[in-house]
Amino acid sequence: MPRLDEFEGDWSIERIVEDLFLGRHVEFTGIARLIPEKDGLLYREEGTLKVPGQVPIAASRSYHWRAEGNMIAVYFADARPFHRFDCDDPAPQASHSCDPDLYQVSYEFHHWPDWRSTWRALGPHKDYVLHNHFSRLSSNVAAQTQRTITAG
């Protein structure tokens, strides 16, 4: 299992959202950057969200990743706890309850430095499976991809 510092750098991200509630697939492609900060890494993703029947839009989000013993703790941008996963577990899983919704994640690092996360979200108005695939980028590829995302 990778440790927190091994995530530092630029990653391409491909996301497929199987929206079972609305019966559609949504796609996101972009870059996830994990940048050193005071207490760990700032996770910042930027890219393009494609919803069927709509014009593609720019999308972004941020999290804070912290090492806490053998765990990686993930916090929302406003520092609220999100979830934690065990770096020593060969198939780490975690969950986050945001009443009345429940989010469950499983991570897969068997093909490091490519890695995946799969989220399952259930609630009164949501039912989706979100598949993320991350691949490490060189700094040149990351800069070119960022220019493409910015140009829209």
Protein backbone atom coordinates (compact mmCIF):
# COMPACT_ATOMS: atom_id res chain seq x y z
CA MET A 1 0.00 0.00 0.00
CA PRO A 2 1.27 3.47 -0.79
CA ARG A 3 1.95 5.93 2.02
CA LEU A 4 0.76 9.53 1.97
CA ASP A 5 3.94 11.01 0.46
CA GLU A 6 3.73 8.58 -2.47
CA PHE A 7 0.52 10.29 -3.64
CA GLU A 8 2.28 13.65 -4.08
CA GLY A 9 2.23 14.84 -7.69
CA ASP A 10 -0.09 15.05 -10.67
CA TRP A 11 -2.56 12.37 -11.70
CA SER A 12 -4.90 12.03 -14.64
CA ILE A 13 -8.37 11.18 -13.43
CA GLU A 14 -11.17 9.51 -15.33
CA ARG A 15 -14.49 9.22 -13.54
CA ILE A 16 -17.67 7.44 -14.56
CA VAL A 17 -20.78 7.98 -12.47
CA GLU A 18 -23.50 5.38 -12.87
CA ASP A 19 -26.53 7.35 -11.70
CA LEU A 20 -28.98 4.59 -10.91
CA PHE A 21 -31.53 7.07 -9.50
CA LEU A 22 -31.82 9.04 -12.77
CA GLY A 23 -30.74 6.23 -15.12
CA ARG A 24 -27.77 7.93 -16.78
CA HIS A 25 -23.97 7.94 -16.93
CA VAL A 26 -21.95 11.07 -16.17
CA GLU A 27 -18.27 11.45 -17.08
CA PHE A 28 -15.48 13.57 -15.62
CA THR A 29 -11.93 13.84 -16.97
CA GLY A 30 -9.17 16.01 -15.61
CA ILE A 31 -6.17 16.30 -13.33
CA ALA A 32 -5.86 15.61 -9.62
CA ARG A 33 -2.91 17.37 -7.99
CA LEU A 34 -1.68 16.37 -4.56
CA ILE A 35 0.43 19.26 -3.35
CA PRO A 36 2.41 19.38 -0.09
CA GLU A 37 0.94 21.66 2.57
CA LYS A 38 1.60 22.20 6.27
CA ASP A 39 -0.05 19.04 7.62
CA GLY A 40 -0.08 16.74 4.60
CA LEU A 41 -1.29 17.09 1.02
CA LEU A 42 -3.84 19.34 -0.64
CA TYR A 43 -5.87 17.29 -3.13
CA ARG A 44 -7.17 19.56 -5.91
CA GLU A 45 -8.94 18.23 -8.98
CA GLU A 46 -9.99 20.19 -12.04
CA GLY A 47 -11.56 18.95 -15.21
CA THR A 48 -14.61 18.69 -17.42
CA LEU A 49 -17.94 17.21 -16.39
CA LYS A 50 -20.09 15.74 -19.13
CA VAL A 51 -23.76 15.17 -18.33
CA PRO A 52 -25.91 13.65 -21.09
CA GLY A 53 -27.95 16.29 -22.92
CA GLN A 54 -26.03 19.20 -21.37
CA VAL A 55 -23.07 21.35 -22.41
CA PRO A 56 -19.83 20.12 -20.75
CA ILE A 57 -18.85 22.26 -17.76
CA ALA A 58 -15.67 22.93 -15.79
CA ALA A 59 -15.68 21.26 -12.39
CA SER A 60 -13.30 21.22 -9.44
CA ARG A 61 -13.06 20.19 -5.81
CA SER A 62 -10.49 20.06 -3.04
CA TYR A 63 -9.72 17.92 -0.02
CA HIS A 64 -6.97 17.75 2.58
CA TRP A 65 -5.14 14.45 3.05
CA ARG A 66 -3.32 13.79 6.35
CA ALA A 67 -1.23 10.91 7.70
CA GLU A 68 -2.67 9.69 11.00
CA GLY A 69 -0.62 6.70 12.13
CA ASN A 70 -1.04 4.01 9.49
CA MET A 71 -4.20 5.74 8.22
CA ILE A 72 -4.75 8.39 5.57
CA ALA A 73 -7.42 10.77 6.77
CA VAL A 74 -9.32 12.79 4.16
CA TYR A 75 -10.95 16.09 5.12
CA PHE A 76 -13.29 18.33 3.19
CA ALA A 77 -11.93 21.70 1.98
CA ASP A 78 -13.45 23.35 5.09
CA ALA A 79 -11.56 20.89 7.36
CA ARG A 80 -14.57 18.72 8.32
CA PRO A 81 -13.70 15.01 8.53
CA PHE A 82 -14.67 13.01 5.43
CA HIS A 83 -13.20 9.50 5.76
CA ARG A 84 -10.07 7.52 6.67
CA PHE A 85 -8.51 4.45 5.14
CA ASP A 86 -5.89 2.04 6.42
CA CYS A 87 -2.59 2.04 4.50
CA ASP A 88 -1.83 -1.47 5.74
CA ASP A 89 -5.08 -2.99 4.49
CA PRO A 90 -4.69 -4.67 1.07
CA ALA A 91 -8.29 -3.68 0.20
CA PRO A 92 -9.01 -0.49 2.18
CA GLN A 93 -12.59 0.65 2.64
CA ALA A 94 -14.25 3.54 4.42
CA SER A 95 -17.61 5.22 4.79
CA HIS A 96 -19.07 8.64 5.43
CA SER A 97 -22.53 9.28 6.79
CA CYS A 98 -24.22 12.55 5.89
CA ASP A 99 -27.70 11.83 7.22
CA PRO A 100 -29.82 10.74 5.44
CA ASP A 101 -27.17 9.78 2.83
CA LEU A 102 -24.44 7.15 3.15
CA TYR A 103 -21.22 7.08 1.10
CA GLN A 104 -18.98 4.01 1.01
CA VAL A 105 -15.62 3.79 -0.73
CA SER A 106 -13.21 1.02 -1.62
CA TYR A 107 -9.67 1.68 -2.83
CA GLU A 108 -7.56 -0.52 -5.11
CA PHE A 109 -3.78 -0.10 -5.32
CA HIS A 110 -2.76 -3.45 -6.89
CA HIS A 111 -1.45 -1.76 -10.07
CA TRP A 112 0.34 1.15 -8.38
CA PRO A 113 1.03 3.83 -9.48
CA ASP A 114 -2.32 3.43 -11.22
CA TRP A 115 -5.03 3.24 -8.60
CA ARG A 116 -8.80 3.27 -8.33
CA SER A 117 -11.55 4.22 -5.94
CA THR A 118 -15.16 3.17 -6.17
CA TRP A 119 -17.86 5.05 -4.29
CA ARG A 120 -21.40 3.88 -3.58
CA ALA A 121 -23.84 6.60 -2.53
CA LEU A 122 -27.32 5.89 -1.25
CA GLY A 123 -29.98 8.24 0.04
CA PRO A 124 -33.58 9.27 -0.45
CA HIS A 125 -32.71 11.20 -3.63
CA LYS A 126 -29.51 9.48 -4.77
CA ASP A 127 -28.32 6.08 -5.81
CA TYR A 128 -25.06 6.01 -7.71
CA VAL A 129 -21.76 4.22 -8.16
CA LEU A 130 -18.78 6.43 -8.91
CA HIS A 131 -15.66 4.85 -10.47
CA ASN A 132 -12.38 6.80 -10.37
CA HIS A 133 -9.21 5.76 -12.21
CA PHE A 134 -5.99 7.63 -11.44
CA SER A 135 -2.73 7.43 -13.45
CA ARG A 136 0.44 9.33 -12.57
CA LEU A 137 1.40 12.11 -14.99
CA SER A 138 4.82 13.49 -15.77
CA SER A 139 5.16 17.23 -15.12
CA ASN A 140 5.21 17.98 -18.89
CA VAL A 141 2.02 15.99 -19.53
CA ALA A 142 0.34 17.59 -16.50
CA ALA A 143 1.16 21.11 -17.75
CA GLN A 144 -0.17 20.35 -21.23
CA THR A 145 -3.34 18.73 -19.82
CA GLN A 146 -3.91 21.72 -17.53
CA ARG A 147 -3.69 24.07 -20.52
CA THR A 148 -6.24 21.93 -22.38
CA ILE A 149 -8.65 21.96 -19.40
CA THR A 150 -8.26 25.73 -18.98
CA ALA A 151 -8.85 26.36 -22.70
CA GLY A 152 -12.08 24.40 -22.34
